[in-house]
Amino acid sequence: MQELTLSPGPAKLTPTLDPTHRMELILSTSPAELTLDPACQPKLPLDSTCQPEMTFNPGPTELTLDPEHQPEETPAPSLAELTLEPVHRRPELLDACADLINDQWPRSRASRLHSLGQSSDAFPLCLMLLSPHPTPEAAPVVVGHARLSRVLNQPQSLLVETVVVARALRGRGFGRRLMEGLEVFARARGFRKLHLTTHDQVHFYTHLGYQLGEPVQGLVFTSRWLPATLLNAFPTAPSPRPPWKAPNLTAQAAPRGPKGPPLPPPPPLPECLTTSPPVPSGPPSKSLLETQYQNVRGRPIFWMEKDI
């Protein structure tokens, strides 16, 4: 039978395994120190029923997934696979197109859907930049949008409005692809110039060949039942007023009062200046940094145009 000896000092455990071989286990308040006699190390039997121990490290946890079950990332659309289609020919994409535009310019959903529903081949016309869905059976993904309207008194011009690209895809060439598609679409239908307004994308459109231009008036609706003479009847500017005539300020006879001597005549008027400040010749200078035009909210806008 083995003996167990306890010491009152630092704990000292001395099990006696054999009269000739002794193993001492010393426990103290300092870090534990275990000394074994190489010649007398006991053999520990392994029990086949014991479960292996699992140690959890409080450090960063590493998670390894089976490659066969890892989620697949959605690939970015390819520029070569993009197509441009009118929204009125793809009514199943109306909701997705409205969400894309409202993400940039929040507006009532019903109002946005109503505006998109006005798209037709007779203009105004809403175009969507579409990308094939990774799943063949699913509908295409709406990547961008732009609206084209006829321009009053300019039968070969179109006004480009509501140009937007999905936020996650900006800066990858999709905006350029959308604008180039608009040019091809308009040119194929006999138009030769595009007009647009911008607030903070002047340099983007400049790289596409647009230049600063003059304001134009887009037509909200057009119909083949309305002749051009009727459309031209709407004034583009307020009707001119008759010239304003200054009152005659020359000295006149002073009116006589009911009683007493007549009033003295008024003092003479100062002589008019014979010189006036020089009027700048030619059209006002245009700058990509300053503009004289503002939108309905008072924000400065730049009118730009391009021959296509």
C-alpha atoms as a PDB file:
ATOM      1  CA  MET A   1       0.000   0.000   0.000  1.00  0.00           C
ATOM      2  CA  GLN A   2       1.419   3.410  -0.972  1.00  0.00           C
ATOM      3  CA  GLU A   3       2.247   6.014   1.660  1.00  0.00           C
ATOM      4  CA  LEU A   4       1.284   9.714   1.441  1.00  0.00           C
ATOM      5  CA  THR A   5       3.349  12.168   3.500  1.00  0.00           C
ATOM      6  CA  LEU A   6       2.231  15.819   3.991  1.00  0.00           C
ATOM      7  CA  SER A   7       4.704  18.437   5.187  1.00  0.00           C
ATOM      8  CA  PRO A   8       3.601  21.591   7.120  1.00  0.00           C
ATOM      9  CA  GLY A   9       5.862  23.783   4.941  1.00  0.00           C
ATOM     10  CA  PRO A  10       5.438  24.087   1.270  1.00  0.00           C
ATOM     11  CA  ALA A  11       3.188  21.241   0.305  1.00  0.00           C
ATOM     12  CA  LYS A  12       5.199  18.129  -0.304  1.00  0.00           C
ATOM     13  CA  LEU A  13       3.593  14.992  -1.627  1.00  0.00           C
ATOM     14  CA  THR A  14       5.712  11.840  -1.516  1.00  0.00           C
ATOM     15  CA  PRO A  15       3.993   8.770  -2.866  1.00  0.00           C
ATOM     16  CA  THR A  16       5.981   5.561  -2.308  1.00  0.00           C
ATOM     17  CA  LEU A  17       5.747   3.354  -5.332  1.00  0.00           C
ATOM     18  CA  ASP A  18       8.542   1.001  -4.446  1.00  0.00           C
ATOM     19  CA  PRO A  19      10.910   0.705  -1.493  1.00  0.00           C
ATOM     20  CA  THR A  20      13.862   1.187  -3.809  1.00  0.00           C
ATOM     21  CA  HIS A  21      12.326   3.813  -6.078  1.00  0.00           C
ATOM     22  CA  ARG A  22      10.592   6.913  -4.802  1.00  0.00           C
ATOM     23  CA  MET A  23       8.882   9.729  -6.770  1.00  0.00           C
ATOM     24  CA  GLU A  24       8.522  13.089  -5.086  1.00  0.00           C
ATOM     25  CA  LEU A  25       5.899  15.700  -6.071  1.00  0.00           C
ATOM     26  CA  ILE A  26       6.525  19.091  -4.483  1.00  0.00           C
ATOM     27  CA  LEU A  27       3.742  21.714  -4.432  1.00  0.00           C
ATOM     28  CA  SER A  28       4.596  25.259  -3.441  1.00  0.00           C
ATOM     29  CA  THR A  29       3.158  28.765  -3.776  1.00  0.00           C
ATOM     30  CA  SER A  30       5.577  29.441  -6.609  1.00  0.00           C
ATOM     31  CA  PRO A  31       4.890  28.118 -10.114  1.00  0.00           C
ATOM     32  CA  ALA A  32       4.415  24.389  -9.845  1.00  0.00           C
ATOM     33  CA  GLU A  33       7.548  22.315 -10.314  1.00  0.00           C
ATOM     34  CA  LEU A  34       7.293  18.641 -11.137  1.00  0.00           C
ATOM     35  CA  THR A  35      10.402  16.428 -10.837  1.00  0.00           C
ATOM     36  CA  LEU A  36      10.244  12.852 -12.027  1.00  0.00           C
ATOM     37  CA  ASP A  37      12.891  10.197 -11.793  1.00  0.00           C
ATOM     38  CA  PRO A  38      13.501   8.998 -15.377  1.00  0.00           C
ATOM     39  CA  ALA A  39      14.057   5.490 -14.123  1.00  0.00           C
ATOM     40  CA  CYS A  40      10.860   5.356 -12.167  1.00  0.00           C
ATOM     41  CA  GLN A  41       8.229   7.076 -14.353  1.00  0.00           C
ATOM     42  CA  PRO A  42       4.918   5.271 -13.952  1.00  0.00           C
ATOM     43  CA  LYS A  43       3.157   3.967 -16.956  1.00  0.00           C
ATOM     44  CA  LEU A  44      -0.340   5.418 -17.430  1.00  0.00           C
ATOM     45  CA  PRO A  45      -2.788   3.022 -19.046  1.00  0.00           C
ATOM     46  CA  LEU A  46      -4.994   4.445 -21.768  1.00  0.00           C
ATOM     47  CA  ASP A  47      -8.650   3.766 -21.465  1.00  0.00           C
ATOM     48  CA  SER A  48     -10.290   3.287 -24.855  1.00  0.00           C
ATOM     49  CA  THR A  49     -13.565   4.610 -23.432  1.00  0.00           C
ATOM     50  CA  CYS A  50     -12.089   8.016 -22.529  1.00  0.00           C
ATOM     51  CA  GLN A  51     -13.197  10.853 -24.712  1.00  0.00           C
ATOM     52  CA  PRO A  52     -10.529  13.192 -26.155  1.00  0.00           C
ATOM     53  CA  GLU A  53     -10.264  16.594 -24.567  1.00  0.00           C
ATOM     54  CA  MET A  54     -11.053  19.788 -26.594  1.00  0.00           C
ATOM     55  CA  THR A  55      -9.408  23.028 -25.563  1.00  0.00           C
ATOM     56  CA  PHE A  56     -10.997  26.361 -26.591  1.00  0.00           C
ATOM     57  CA  ASN A  57      -8.591  29.227 -27.078  1.00  0.00           C
ATOM     58  CA  PRO A  58     -10.012  32.636 -26.071  1.00  0.00           C
ATOM     59  CA  GLY A  59      -8.097  34.227 -28.991  1.00  0.00           C
ATOM     60  CA  PRO A  60      -9.485  34.874 -32.503  1.00  0.00           C
ATOM     61  CA  THR A  61     -11.564  31.986 -33.702  1.00  0.00           C
ATOM     62  CA  GLU A  62     -10.774  30.473 -37.056  1.00  0.00           C
ATOM     63  CA  LEU A  63     -13.656  29.013 -39.023  1.00  0.00           C
ATOM     64  CA  THR A  64     -12.949  26.709 -41.903  1.00  0.00           C
ATOM     65  CA  LEU A  65     -15.790  25.958 -44.318  1.00  0.00           C
ATOM     66  CA  ASP A  66     -16.036  23.134 -46.718  1.00  0.00           C
ATOM     67  CA  PRO A  67     -15.184  24.504 -50.183  1.00  0.00           C
ATOM     68  CA  GLU A  68     -18.150  22.651 -51.596  1.00  0.00           C
ATOM     69  CA  HIS A  69     -20.575  24.534 -49.308  1.00  0.00           C
ATOM     70  CA  GLN A  70     -19.092  28.053 -49.344  1.00  0.00           C
ATOM     71  CA  PRO A  71     -21.492  30.800 -50.607  1.00  0.00           C
ATOM     72  CA  GLU A  72     -20.783  32.023 -54.115  1.00  0.00           C
ATOM     73  CA  GLU A  73     -20.212  35.754 -54.717  1.00  0.00           C
ATOM     74  CA  THR A  74     -22.364  37.475 -57.324  1.00  0.00           C
ATOM     75  CA  PRO A  75     -20.075  38.452 -60.203  1.00  0.00           C
ATOM     76  CA  ALA A  76     -20.062  42.068 -61.379  1.00  0.00           C
ATOM     77  CA  PRO A  77     -21.932  42.689 -64.650  1.00  0.00           C
ATOM     78  CA  SER A  78     -19.866  42.662 -67.792  1.00  0.00           C
ATOM     79  CA  LEU A  79     -19.890  45.831 -69.901  1.00  0.00           C
ATOM     80  CA  ALA A  80     -20.024  43.737 -73.068  1.00  0.00           C
ATOM     81  CA  GLU A  81     -23.289  42.072 -71.975  1.00  0.00           C
ATOM     82  CA  LEU A  82     -25.221  45.268 -71.192  1.00  0.00           C
ATOM     83  CA  THR A  83     -28.301  46.154 -73.221  1.00  0.00           C
ATOM     84  CA  LEU A  84     -30.468  49.286 -73.469  1.00  0.00           C
ATOM     85  CA  GLU A  85     -34.240  48.772 -73.565  1.00  0.00           C
ATOM     86  CA  PRO A  86     -37.277  51.081 -73.158  1.00  0.00           C
ATOM     87  CA  VAL A  87     -39.058  50.628 -69.866  1.00  0.00           C
ATOM     88  CA  HIS A  88     -42.496  50.423 -71.494  1.00  0.00           C
ATOM     89  CA  ARG A  89     -41.394  47.264 -73.288  1.00  0.00           C
ATOM     90  CA  ARG A  90     -40.342  45.594 -70.026  1.00  0.00           C
ATOM     91  CA  PRO A  91     -43.213  46.303 -67.616  1.00  0.00           C
ATOM     92  CA  GLU A  92     -42.020  43.564 -65.261  1.00  0.00           C
ATOM     93  CA  LEU A  93     -38.995  45.745 -64.446  1.00  0.00           C
ATOM     94  CA  LEU A  94     -40.968  48.871 -63.493  1.00  0.00           C
ATOM     95  CA  ASP A  95     -40.593  48.292 -59.744  1.00  0.00           C
ATOM     96  CA  ALA A  96     -36.846  47.656 -59.952  1.00  0.00           C
ATOM     97  CA  CYS A  97     -36.370  50.769 -62.087  1.00  0.00           C
ATOM     98  CA  ALA A  98     -38.388  52.901 -59.654  1.00  0.00           C
ATOM     99  CA  ASP A  99     -36.284  51.653 -56.733  1.00  0.00           C
ATOM    100  CA  LEU A 100     -33.082  52.512 -58.592  1.00  0.00           C
ATOM    101  CA  ILE A 101     -34.180  56.103 -59.260  1.00  0.00           C
ATOM    102  CA  ASN A 102     -35.665  56.638 -55.789  1.00  0.00           C
ATOM    103  CA  ASP A 103     -32.392  55.537 -54.230  1.00  0.00           C
ATOM    104  CA  GLN A 104     -30.834  58.663 -55.758  1.00  0.00           C
ATOM    105  CA  TRP A 105     -33.827  61.036 -55.703  1.00  0.00           C
ATOM    106  CA  PRO A 106     -36.393  59.942 -53.068  1.00  0.00           C
ATOM    107  CA  ARG A 107     -39.951  60.425 -54.233  1.00  0.00           C
ATOM    108  CA  SER A 108     -43.381  58.915 -53.767  1.00  0.00           C
ATOM    109  CA  ARG A 109     -43.354  55.404 -55.207  1.00  0.00           C
ATOM    110  CA  ALA A 110     -46.761  55.882 -56.812  1.00  0.00           C
ATOM    111  CA  SER A 111     -45.595  59.130 -58.432  1.00  0.00           C
ATOM    112  CA  ARG A 112     -42.408  57.498 -59.679  1.00  0.00           C
ATOM    113  CA  LEU A 113     -44.278  54.558 -61.187  1.00  0.00           C
ATOM    114  CA  HIS A 114     -46.722  56.941 -62.844  1.00  0.00           C
ATOM    115  CA  SER A 115     -43.847  58.899 -64.396  1.00  0.00           C
ATOM    116  CA  LEU A 116     -42.214  55.724 -65.709  1.00  0.00           C
ATOM    117  CA  GLY A 117     -45.575  54.586 -67.045  1.00  0.00           C
ATOM    118  CA  GLN A 118     -45.667  57.618 -69.365  1.00  0.00           C
ATOM    119  CA  SER A 119     -42.751  56.241 -71.385  1.00  0.00           C
ATOM    120  CA  SER A 120     -43.570  55.599 -75.044  1.00  0.00           C
ATOM    121  CA  ASP A 121     -41.949  55.507 -78.458  1.00  0.00           C
ATOM    122  CA  ALA A 122     -43.423  58.967 -79.132  1.00  0.00           C
ATOM    123  CA  PHE A 123     -41.407  60.497 -76.248  1.00  0.00           C
ATOM    124  CA  PRO A 124     -40.735  61.108 -73.497  1.00  0.00           C
ATOM    125  CA  LEU A 125     -39.022  57.734 -73.369  1.00  0.00           C
ATOM    126  CA  CYS A 126     -37.336  56.026 -70.405  1.00  0.00           C
ATOM    127  CA  LEU A 127     -34.412  53.719 -71.150  1.00  0.00           C
ATOM    128  CA  MET A 128     -32.946  51.105 -68.807  1.00  0.00           C
ATOM    129  CA  LEU A 129     -29.414  49.739 -68.869  1.00  0.00           C
ATOM    130  CA  LEU A 130     -29.841  46.014 -68.227  1.00  0.00           C
ATOM    131  CA  SER A 131     -27.423  43.264 -67.275  1.00  0.00           C
ATOM    132  CA  PRO A 132     -28.179  39.537 -67.578  1.00  0.00           C
ATOM    133  CA  HIS A 133     -28.976  37.894 -64.259  1.00  0.00           C
ATOM    134  CA  PRO A 134     -26.546  35.172 -63.074  1.00  0.00           C
ATOM    135  CA  THR A 135     -29.515  32.826 -62.950  1.00  0.00           C
ATOM    136  CA  PRO A 136     -30.725  32.230 -66.525  1.00  0.00           C
ATOM    137  CA  GLU A 137     -34.389  31.937 -65.488  1.00  0.00           C
ATOM    138  CA  ALA A 138     -34.378  35.253 -63.552  1.00  0.00           C
ATOM    139  CA  ALA A 139     -35.169  38.701 -64.949  1.00  0.00           C
ATOM    140  CA  PRO A 140     -32.317  41.041 -65.938  1.00  0.00           C
ATOM    141  CA  VAL A 141     -30.792  43.412 -63.395  1.00  0.00           C
ATOM    142  CA  VAL A 142     -31.507  47.149 -63.831  1.00  0.00           C
ATOM    143  CA  VAL A 143     -28.071  48.806 -63.797  1.00  0.00           C
ATOM    144  CA  GLY A 144     -28.916  52.351 -64.982  1.00  0.00           C
ATOM    145  CA  HIS A 145     -31.653  54.648 -66.273  1.00  0.00           C
ATOM    146  CA  ALA A 146     -32.050  57.773 -68.430  1.00  0.00           C
ATOM    147  CA  ARG A 147     -35.016  59.672 -69.864  1.00  0.00           C
ATOM    148  CA  LEU A 148     -35.204  61.274 -73.321  1.00  0.00           C
ATOM    149  CA  SER A 149     -37.600  64.084 -74.247  1.00  0.00           C
ATOM    150  CA  ARG A 150     -38.162  66.127 -77.404  1.00  0.00           C
ATOM    151  CA  VAL A 151     -36.949  69.740 -77.450  1.00  0.00           C
ATOM    152  CA  LEU A 152     -39.235  72.614 -78.412  1.00  0.00           C
ATOM    153  CA  ASN A 153     -38.334  74.262 -81.741  1.00  0.00           C
ATOM    154  CA  GLN A 154     -35.418  71.845 -82.252  1.00  0.00           C
ATOM    155  CA  PRO A 155     -36.758  68.771 -84.061  1.00  0.00           C
ATOM    156  CA  GLN A 156     -33.347  67.074 -84.207  1.00  0.00           C
ATOM    157  CA  SER A 157     -32.529  67.472 -80.508  1.00  0.00           C
ATOM    158  CA  LEU A 158     -33.312  65.450 -77.395  1.00  0.00           C
ATOM    159  CA  LEU A 159     -33.127  66.413 -73.729  1.00  0.00           C
ATOM    160  CA  VAL A 160     -31.454  63.836 -71.454  1.00  0.00           C
ATOM    161  CA  GLU A 161     -32.785  63.698 -67.887  1.00  0.00           C
ATOM    162  CA  THR A 162     -32.732  61.465 -64.783  1.00  0.00           C
ATOM    163  CA  VAL A 163     -29.393  59.824 -65.543  1.00  0.00           C
ATOM    164  CA  VAL A 164     -28.511  57.396 -62.752  1.00  0.00           C
ATOM    165  CA  VAL A 165     -26.392  54.270 -62.208  1.00  0.00           C
ATOM    166  CA  ALA A 166     -26.686  51.823 -59.314  1.00  0.00           C
ATOM    167  CA  ARG A 167     -24.563  52.996 -56.372  1.00  0.00           C
ATOM    168  CA  ALA A 168     -22.659  49.723 -56.052  1.00  0.00           C
ATOM    169  CA  LEU A 169     -21.536  49.915 -59.698  1.00  0.00           C
ATOM    170  CA  ARG A 170     -20.420  53.533 -59.957  1.00  0.00           C
ATOM    171  CA  GLY A 171     -16.898  54.292 -61.032  1.00  0.00           C
ATOM    172  CA  ARG A 172     -16.620  51.161 -63.199  1.00  0.00           C
ATOM    173  CA  GLY A 173     -17.560  52.551 -66.611  1.00  0.00           C
ATOM    174  CA  PHE A 174     -21.313  51.901 -66.491  1.00  0.00           C
ATOM    175  CA  GLY A 175     -22.157  55.617 -66.682  1.00  0.00           C
ATOM    176  CA  ARG A 176     -20.072  55.997 -69.826  1.00  0.00           C
ATOM    177  CA  ARG A 177     -21.679  52.884 -71.294  1.00  0.00           C
ATOM    178  CA  LEU A 178     -25.137  54.315 -70.574  1.00  0.00           C
ATOM    179  CA  MET A 179     -24.387  57.657 -72.248  1.00  0.00           C
ATOM    180  CA  GLU A 180     -22.800  56.001 -75.280  1.00  0.00           C
ATOM    181  CA  GLY A 181     -25.877  53.814 -75.619  1.00  0.00           C
ATOM    182  CA  LEU A 182     -28.101  56.910 -75.555  1.00  0.00           C
ATOM    183  CA  GLU A 183     -26.137  58.428 -78.423  1.00  0.00           C
ATOM    184  CA  VAL A 184     -26.489  55.285 -80.536  1.00  0.00           C
ATOM    185  CA  PHE A 185     -30.207  55.081 -79.730  1.00  0.00           C
ATOM    186  CA  ALA A 186     -30.845  58.741 -80.618  1.00  0.00           C
ATOM    187  CA  ARG A 187     -28.726  58.744 -83.758  1.00  0.00           C
ATOM    188  CA  ALA A 188     -30.531  55.678 -85.095  1.00  0.00           C
ATOM    189  CA  ARG A 189     -33.801  57.641 -84.889  1.00  0.00           C
ATOM    190  CA  GLY A 190     -32.577  60.715 -86.743  1.00  0.00           C
ATOM    191  CA  PHE A 191     -31.547  62.990 -83.871  1.00  0.00           C
ATOM    192  CA  ARG A 192     -28.291  64.904 -84.056  1.00  0.00           C
ATOM    193  CA  LYS A 193     -27.877  66.703 -80.730  1.00  0.00           C
ATOM    194  CA  LEU A 194     -28.299  65.897 -77.036  1.00  0.00           C
ATOM    195  CA  HIS A 195     -28.881  68.435 -74.264  1.00  0.00           C
ATOM    196  CA  LEU A 196     -28.673  67.915 -70.499  1.00  0.00           C
ATOM    197  CA  THR A 197     -28.223  69.682 -67.188  1.00  0.00           C
ATOM    198  CA  THR A 198     -25.898  68.750 -64.346  1.00  0.00           C
ATOM    199  CA  HIS A 199     -25.003  70.086 -60.941  1.00  0.00           C
ATOM    200  CA  ASP A 200     -21.779  68.290 -60.017  1.00  0.00           C
ATOM    201  CA  GLN A 201     -20.845  66.054 -62.976  1.00  0.00           C
ATOM    202  CA  VAL A 202     -19.516  68.693 -65.357  1.00  0.00           C
ATOM    203  CA  HIS A 203     -16.119  67.059 -65.762  1.00  0.00           C
ATOM    204  CA  PHE A 204     -17.664  63.630 -66.386  1.00  0.00           C
ATOM    205  CA  TYR A 205     -19.738  64.954 -69.287  1.00  0.00           C
ATOM    206  CA  THR A 206     -16.814  67.034 -70.550  1.00  0.00           C
ATOM    207  CA  HIS A 207     -14.774  63.850 -70.955  1.00  0.00           C
ATOM    208  CA  LEU A 208     -17.656  62.449 -73.013  1.00  0.00           C
ATOM    209  CA  GLY A 209     -17.491  65.366 -75.452  1.00  0.00           C
ATOM    210  CA  TYR A 210     -20.191  67.664 -74.013  1.00  0.00           C
ATOM    211  CA  GLN A 211     -19.756  71.424 -74.001  1.00  0.00           C
ATOM    212  CA  LEU A 212     -21.482  74.228 -72.154  1.00  0.00           C
ATOM    213  CA  GLY A 213     -24.633  75.317 -73.973  1.00  0.00           C
ATOM    214  CA  GLU A 214     -27.813  77.338 -73.676  1.00  0.00           C
ATOM    215  CA  PRO A 215     -31.031  76.312 -71.913  1.00  0.00           C
ATOM    216  CA  VAL A 216     -33.681  74.465 -73.910  1.00  0.00           C
ATOM    217  CA  GLN A 217     -37.288  73.559 -73.177  1.00  0.00           C
ATOM    218  CA  GLY A 218     -38.174  69.893 -73.083  1.00  0.00           C
ATOM    219  CA  LEU A 219     -41.628  68.733 -74.050  1.00  0.00           C
ATOM    220  CA  VAL A 220     -43.447  66.844 -71.332  1.00  0.00           C
ATOM    221  CA  PHE A 221     -45.592  65.061 -73.898  1.00  0.00           C
ATOM    222  CA  THR A 222     -45.732  64.727 -77.658  1.00  0.00           C
ATOM    223  CA  SER A 223     -48.260  63.141 -79.944  1.00  0.00           C
ATOM    224  CA  ARG A 224     -48.556  62.671 -83.666  1.00  0.00           C
ATOM    225  CA  TRP A 225     -52.067  64.127 -83.420  1.00  0.00           C
ATOM    226  CA  LEU A 226     -50.619  67.525 -82.384  1.00  0.00           C
ATOM    227  CA  PRO A 227     -49.161  69.521 -85.291  1.00  0.00           C
ATOM    228  CA  ALA A 228     -45.900  71.368 -84.885  1.00  0.00           C
ATOM    229  CA  THR A 229     -47.653  74.708 -85.405  1.00  0.00           C
ATOM    230  CA  LEU A 230     -49.678  74.126 -82.249  1.00  0.00           C
ATOM    231  CA  LEU A 231     -46.591  73.257 -80.222  1.00  0.00           C
ATOM    232  CA  ASN A 232     -44.832  76.376 -81.485  1.00  0.00           C
ATOM    233  CA  ALA A 233     -47.763  78.482 -80.327  1.00  0.00           C
ATOM    234  CA  PHE A 234     -46.634  78.066 -76.723  1.00  0.00           C
ATOM    235  CA  PRO A 235     -44.350  81.020 -75.935  1.00  0.00           C
ATOM    236  CA  THR A 236     -40.807  80.266 -74.911  1.00  0.00           C
ATOM    237  CA  ALA A 237     -40.406  83.659 -73.233  1.00  0.00           C
ATOM    238  CA  PRO A 238     -42.778  86.302 -71.888  1.00  0.00           C
ATOM    239  CA  SER A 239     -44.378  88.412 -74.624  1.00  0.00           C
ATOM    240  CA  PRO A 240     -42.643  91.750 -75.162  1.00  0.00           C
ATOM    241  CA  ARG A 241     -44.169  94.754 -73.498  1.00  0.00           C
ATOM    242  CA  PRO A 242     -44.486  98.221 -75.088  1.00  0.00           C
ATOM    243  CA  PRO A 243     -41.460 100.374 -74.377  1.00  0.00           C
ATOM    244  CA  TRP A 244     -41.687 102.349 -71.203  1.00  0.00           C
ATOM    245  CA  LYS A 245     -41.630 106.124 -71.697  1.00  0.00           C
ATOM    246  CA  ALA A 246     -40.066 108.357 -69.106  1.00  0.00           C
ATOM    247  CA  PRO A 247     -42.198 111.322 -67.988  1.00  0.00           C
ATOM    248  CA  ASN A 248     -41.350 114.776 -69.300  1.00  0.00           C
ATOM    249  CA  LEU A 249     -39.388 116.507 -66.582  1.00  0.00           C
ATOM    250  CA  THR A 250     -38.844 119.833 -68.350  1.00  0.00           C
ATOM    251  CA  ALA A 251     -39.722 122.936 -66.468  1.00  0.00           C
ATOM    252  CA  GLN A 252     -43.307 123.972 -66.822  1.00  0.00           C
ATOM    253  CA  ALA A 253     -45.236 127.012 -65.721  1.00  0.00           C
ATOM    254  CA  ALA A 254     -45.820 126.867 -62.055  1.00  0.00           C
ATOM    255  CA  PRO A 255     -49.454 126.467 -61.140  1.00  0.00           C
ATOM    256  CA  ARG A 256     -51.063 129.369 -59.482  1.00  0.00           C
ATOM    257  CA  GLY A 257     -52.396 128.938 -56.058  1.00  0.00           C
ATOM    258  CA  PRO A 258     -55.847 130.064 -55.097  1.00  0.00           C
ATOM    259  CA  LYS A 259     -54.384 133.130 -53.447  1.00  0.00           C
ATOM    260  CA  GLY A 260     -51.089 134.985 -53.345  1.00  0.00           C
ATOM    261  CA  PRO A 261     -48.227 135.246 -55.846  1.00  0.00           C
ATOM    262  CA  PRO A 262     -47.294 132.347 -58.151  1.00  0.00           C
ATOM    263  CA  LEU A 263     -44.887 129.686 -56.884  1.00  0.00           C
ATOM    264  CA  PRO A 264     -41.252 129.826 -58.065  1.00  0.00           C
ATOM    265  CA  PRO A 265     -40.215 127.447 -60.836  1.00  0.00           C
ATOM    266  CA  PRO A 266     -38.435 124.220 -59.841  1.00  0.00           C
ATOM    267  CA  PRO A 267     -34.611 124.109 -60.005  1.00  0.00           C
ATOM    268  CA  PRO A 268     -33.032 122.896 -63.258  1.00  0.00           C
ATOM    269  CA  LEU A 269     -32.272 119.176 -63.635  1.00  0.00           C
ATOM    270  CA  PRO A 270     -28.631 118.023 -63.595  1.00  0.00           C
ATOM    271  CA  GLU A 271     -27.103 117.389 -66.985  1.00  0.00           C
ATOM    272  CA  CYS A 272     -27.042 113.758 -68.163  1.00  0.00           C
ATOM    273  CA  LEU A 273     -23.709 112.038 -68.438  1.00  0.00           C
ATOM    274  CA  THR A 274     -22.533 111.874 -72.020  1.00  0.00           C
ATOM    275  CA  THR A 275     -20.438 108.749 -71.418  1.00  0.00           C
ATOM    276  CA  SER A 276     -21.685 105.327 -70.301  1.00  0.00           C
ATOM    277  CA  PRO A 277     -19.767 102.265 -69.078  1.00  0.00           C
ATOM    278  CA  PRO A 278     -18.534 100.102 -71.943  1.00  0.00           C
ATOM    279  CA  VAL A 279     -20.760  97.180 -72.856  1.00  0.00           C
ATOM    280  CA  PRO A 280     -18.875  93.876 -73.232  1.00  0.00           C
ATOM    281  CA  SER A 281     -18.988  92.692 -76.801  1.00  0.00           C
ATOM    282  CA  GLY A 282     -19.843  89.121 -77.789  1.00  0.00           C
ATOM    283  CA  PRO A 283     -21.633  86.413 -75.778  1.00  0.00           C
ATOM    284  CA  PRO A 284     -20.943  86.105 -72.042  1.00  0.00           C
ATOM    285  CA  SER A 285     -17.936  83.974 -71.188  1.00  0.00           C
ATOM    286  CA  LYS A 286     -18.668  80.416 -70.053  1.00  0.00           C
ATOM    287  CA  SER A 287     -16.818  78.658 -67.286  1.00  0.00           C
ATOM    288  CA  LEU A 288     -16.905  75.125 -65.934  1.00  0.00           C
ATOM    289  CA  LEU A 289     -16.721  76.580 -62.420  1.00  0.00           C
ATOM    290  CA  GLU A 290     -19.460  79.234 -62.529  1.00  0.00           C
ATOM    291  CA  THR A 291     -22.922  79.322 -64.029  1.00  0.00           C
ATOM    292  CA  GLN A 292     -25.745  81.831 -64.197  1.00  0.00           C
ATOM    293  CA  TYR A 293     -28.489  79.205 -64.235  1.00  0.00           C
ATOM    294  CA  GLN A 294     -30.330  77.650 -61.311  1.00  0.00           C
ATOM    295  CA  ASN A 295     -32.923  74.932 -60.939  1.00  0.00           C
ATOM    296  CA  VAL A 296     -36.258  75.282 -59.168  1.00  0.00           C
ATOM    297  CA  ARG A 297     -34.539  74.652 -55.817  1.00  0.00           C
ATOM    298  CA  GLY A 298     -32.027  77.411 -56.352  1.00  0.00           C
ATOM    299  CA  ARG A 299     -29.043  75.116 -56.953  1.00  0.00           C
ATOM    300  CA  PRO A 300     -26.623  76.148 -59.717  1.00  0.00           C
ATOM    301  CA  ILE A 301     -26.844  73.976 -62.829  1.00  0.00           C
ATOM    302  CA  PHE A 302     -24.824  73.762 -66.022  1.00  0.00           C
ATOM    303  CA  TRP A 303     -26.496  73.379 -69.386  1.00  0.00           C
ATOM    304  CA  MET A 304     -24.436  71.144 -71.692  1.00  0.00           C
ATOM    305  CA  GLU A 305     -24.888  69.833 -75.230  1.00  0.00           C
ATOM    306  CA  LYS A 306     -23.203  67.534 -77.711  1.00  0.00           C
ATOM    307  CA  ASP A 307     -23.503  66.931 -81.441  1.00  0.00           C
ATOM    308  CA  ILE A 308     -23.888  63.211 -82.156  1.00  0.00           C
END
